[in-house]
Amino acid sequence: MVMCFCVNPCVSLQEAELAARILLDQGQTHSVETPYGSVTFTVYGTPKPKRPAILTYHDVGLNYKSCFQPLFQFEDMQEIIQNFVRVHVDAPGMEEGAPVFPLGYQYPSLDQLADMIPCVLQYLNFSTIIGVGVGAGAYILARYALNHPDTVEG
């Protein structure tokens, strides 16, 4: 998805910042190819210098919206989401509108799903994360943290 903005000299900087914030609040969805297939993730917020991204991974049968949207819409979370960029990873086939897997498709193992995360971080040029996982997503992030301890904070 490509979005274009036209610069209007009559538009104030404040209005332009508001428009950019509205766009970021809606999230930007990306896909990246990994050695184990494509992975989709959605980014909310603007990266802050010297701050890690919050990276979430959902449980089996869910996607990031069904698993984490209530948490991040909670009033007490607003200060956190204003200060950190969030990356919500959807396991293959769990993103909204995902196509049916082709006949013979070999779904990645939990360890292979963990091995997809560096591709996401490389695509976004992020060096460190704070991982938030639920169920299988917690295992995937724990496995990632064991394999890449220098990229995980907290």
Protein backbone atom coordinates (compact mmCIF):
# COMPACT_ATOMS: atom_id res chain seq x y z
CA MET A 1 0.00 0.00 0.00
CA VAL A 2 1.44 3.36 -1.04
CA MET A 3 0.16 6.59 0.40
CA CYS A 4 0.97 9.98 -1.07
CA PHE A 5 0.66 13.39 0.47
CA CYS A 6 0.46 16.63 -1.44
CA VAL A 7 2.22 19.54 0.16
CA ASN A 8 0.04 22.61 0.32
CA PRO A 9 1.82 25.79 1.40
CA CYS A 10 -1.41 26.93 3.07
CA VAL A 11 -1.46 23.91 5.38
CA SER A 12 0.15 24.64 8.71
CA LEU A 13 2.85 22.45 10.17
CA GLN A 14 0.47 21.62 13.01
CA GLU A 15 -2.18 20.37 10.55
CA ALA A 16 0.43 18.29 8.72
CA GLU A 17 1.61 16.74 12.00
CA LEU A 18 -1.99 15.94 12.93
CA ALA A 19 -2.57 14.24 9.55
CA ALA A 20 0.62 12.19 10.00
CA ARG A 21 -0.42 11.19 13.54
CA ILE A 22 -3.84 10.04 12.31
CA LEU A 23 -2.12 7.91 9.66
CA LEU A 24 0.23 6.39 12.24
CA ASP A 25 -2.66 5.69 14.62
CA GLN A 26 -4.24 3.55 11.89
CA GLY A 27 -1.10 1.47 11.57
CA GLN A 28 0.93 0.58 8.52
CA THR A 29 0.86 -3.06 7.43
CA HIS A 30 3.91 -4.61 5.77
CA SER A 31 4.97 -8.06 4.61
CA VAL A 32 8.50 -9.36 4.35
CA GLU A 33 9.85 -12.57 2.87
CA THR A 34 11.80 -14.83 5.21
CA PRO A 35 13.50 -18.19 4.68
CA TYR A 36 10.27 -19.77 5.98
CA GLY A 37 7.75 -17.77 3.96
CA SER A 38 6.13 -14.38 4.18
CA VAL A 39 5.28 -12.72 7.49
CA THR A 40 2.90 -9.79 7.93
CA PHE A 41 3.24 -7.15 10.62
CA THR A 42 1.63 -3.82 11.44
CA VAL A 43 3.52 -0.82 12.79
CA TYR A 44 1.93 1.85 14.98
CA GLY A 45 3.67 5.02 16.08
CA THR A 46 6.94 6.69 15.26
CA PRO A 47 10.30 5.19 16.23
CA LYS A 48 11.98 7.14 19.01
CA PRO A 49 15.77 7.48 19.12
CA LYS A 50 17.44 5.09 21.57
CA ARG A 51 14.11 3.43 22.49
CA PRO A 52 13.27 -0.17 21.68
CA ALA A 53 10.16 -1.10 19.76
CA ILE A 54 7.41 -3.04 21.51
CA LEU A 55 6.98 -6.21 19.44
CA THR A 56 3.90 -8.35 20.04
CA TYR A 57 3.17 -11.93 19.02
CA HIS A 58 -0.29 -13.46 19.48
CA ASP A 59 -1.47 -16.93 20.51
CA VAL A 60 -2.69 -19.73 18.24
CA GLY A 61 -5.95 -18.97 16.43
CA LEU A 62 -5.73 -15.23 17.02
CA ASN A 63 -4.18 -12.28 15.24
CA TYR A 64 -2.71 -9.09 16.64
CA LYS A 65 -6.05 -7.27 16.65
CA SER A 66 -7.99 -9.96 18.48
CA CYS A 67 -5.17 -10.52 20.98
CA PHE A 68 -3.67 -7.09 21.68
CA GLN A 69 -6.08 -4.36 20.55
CA PRO A 70 -8.02 -4.30 23.86
CA LEU A 71 -4.76 -3.99 25.81
CA PHE A 72 -3.39 -1.11 23.77
CA GLN A 73 -6.73 0.74 23.76
CA PHE A 74 -6.86 0.65 27.56
CA GLU A 75 -6.66 4.15 29.04
CA ASP A 76 -3.63 3.41 31.22
CA MET A 77 -1.63 2.25 28.18
CA GLN A 78 -1.88 5.58 26.36
CA GLU A 79 1.33 6.98 27.84
CA ILE A 80 3.22 3.88 26.75
CA ILE A 81 1.90 3.93 23.19
CA GLN A 82 2.81 7.60 22.87
CA ASN A 83 6.43 6.85 23.74
CA PHE A 84 7.12 3.59 21.90
CA VAL A 85 6.63 2.34 18.38
CA ARG A 86 4.64 -0.93 18.33
CA VAL A 87 5.19 -3.78 15.90
CA HIS A 88 2.43 -6.39 15.87
CA VAL A 89 3.51 -9.59 14.12
CA ASP A 90 0.85 -11.89 12.70
CA ALA A 91 1.80 -15.54 12.28
CA PRO A 92 1.48 -16.72 8.66
CA GLY A 93 -2.17 -17.13 7.69
CA MET A 94 -3.50 -15.33 10.77
CA GLU A 95 -3.61 -11.81 9.33
CA GLU A 96 -7.00 -10.39 8.35
CA GLY A 97 -8.01 -11.50 4.86
CA ALA A 98 -5.28 -14.13 4.68
CA PRO A 99 -5.58 -16.48 1.71
CA VAL A 100 -5.94 -20.23 2.19
CA PHE A 101 -2.61 -22.04 2.20
CA PRO A 102 -1.87 -23.99 -0.98
CA LEU A 103 -2.11 -27.76 -0.96
CA GLY A 104 1.07 -29.23 0.50
CA TYR A 105 2.07 -26.06 2.38
CA GLN A 106 4.39 -26.83 5.28
CA TYR A 107 3.59 -24.47 8.17
CA PRO A 108 6.71 -23.18 9.96
CA SER A 109 7.59 -24.67 13.35
CA LEU A 110 7.53 -22.45 16.44
CA ASP A 111 11.32 -22.16 16.23
CA GLN A 112 11.08 -21.16 12.56
CA LEU A 113 8.45 -18.54 13.45
CA ALA A 114 10.98 -17.14 15.96
CA ASP A 115 13.60 -17.12 13.20
CA MET A 116 11.33 -14.85 11.11
CA ILE A 117 11.56 -12.00 13.64
CA PRO A 118 15.08 -10.83 12.63
CA CYS A 119 13.77 -10.31 9.09
CA VAL A 120 11.06 -8.00 10.46
CA LEU A 121 13.56 -6.04 12.53
CA GLN A 122 15.99 -5.79 9.62
CA TYR A 123 13.21 -4.54 7.32
CA LEU A 124 12.32 -1.83 9.85
CA ASN A 125 15.95 -1.11 10.76
CA PHE A 126 15.23 -1.68 14.46
CA SER A 127 18.00 -2.89 16.73
CA THR A 128 16.19 -3.71 19.99
CA ILE A 129 12.73 -4.77 21.13
CA ILE A 130 10.60 -5.33 24.18
CA GLY A 131 8.64 -8.51 23.49
CA VAL A 132 5.03 -9.03 24.55
CA GLY A 133 3.63 -12.47 23.76
CA VAL A 134 0.61 -14.56 24.68
CA GLY A 135 0.54 -18.38 24.64
CA ALA A 136 2.45 -19.68 21.63
CA GLY A 137 3.49 -16.08 20.91
CA ALA A 138 5.23 -15.96 24.30
CA TYR A 139 7.15 -19.13 23.42
CA ILE A 140 8.11 -17.70 20.02
CA LEU A 141 9.42 -14.50 21.62
CA ALA A 142 11.23 -16.45 24.36
CA ARG A 143 12.93 -18.58 21.72
CA TYR A 144 13.86 -15.42 19.80
CA ALA A 145 15.28 -13.87 23.00
CA LEU A 146 17.41 -16.96 23.67
CA ASN A 147 18.83 -16.84 20.14
CA HIS A 148 19.28 -13.03 20.01
CA PRO A 149 19.76 -11.78 23.59
CA ASP A 150 21.56 -8.63 22.45
CA THR A 151 18.40 -7.38 20.70
CA VAL A 152 15.98 -7.82 23.61
CA GLU A 153 15.51 -5.39 26.49
CA GLY A 154 13.76 -6.23 29.73
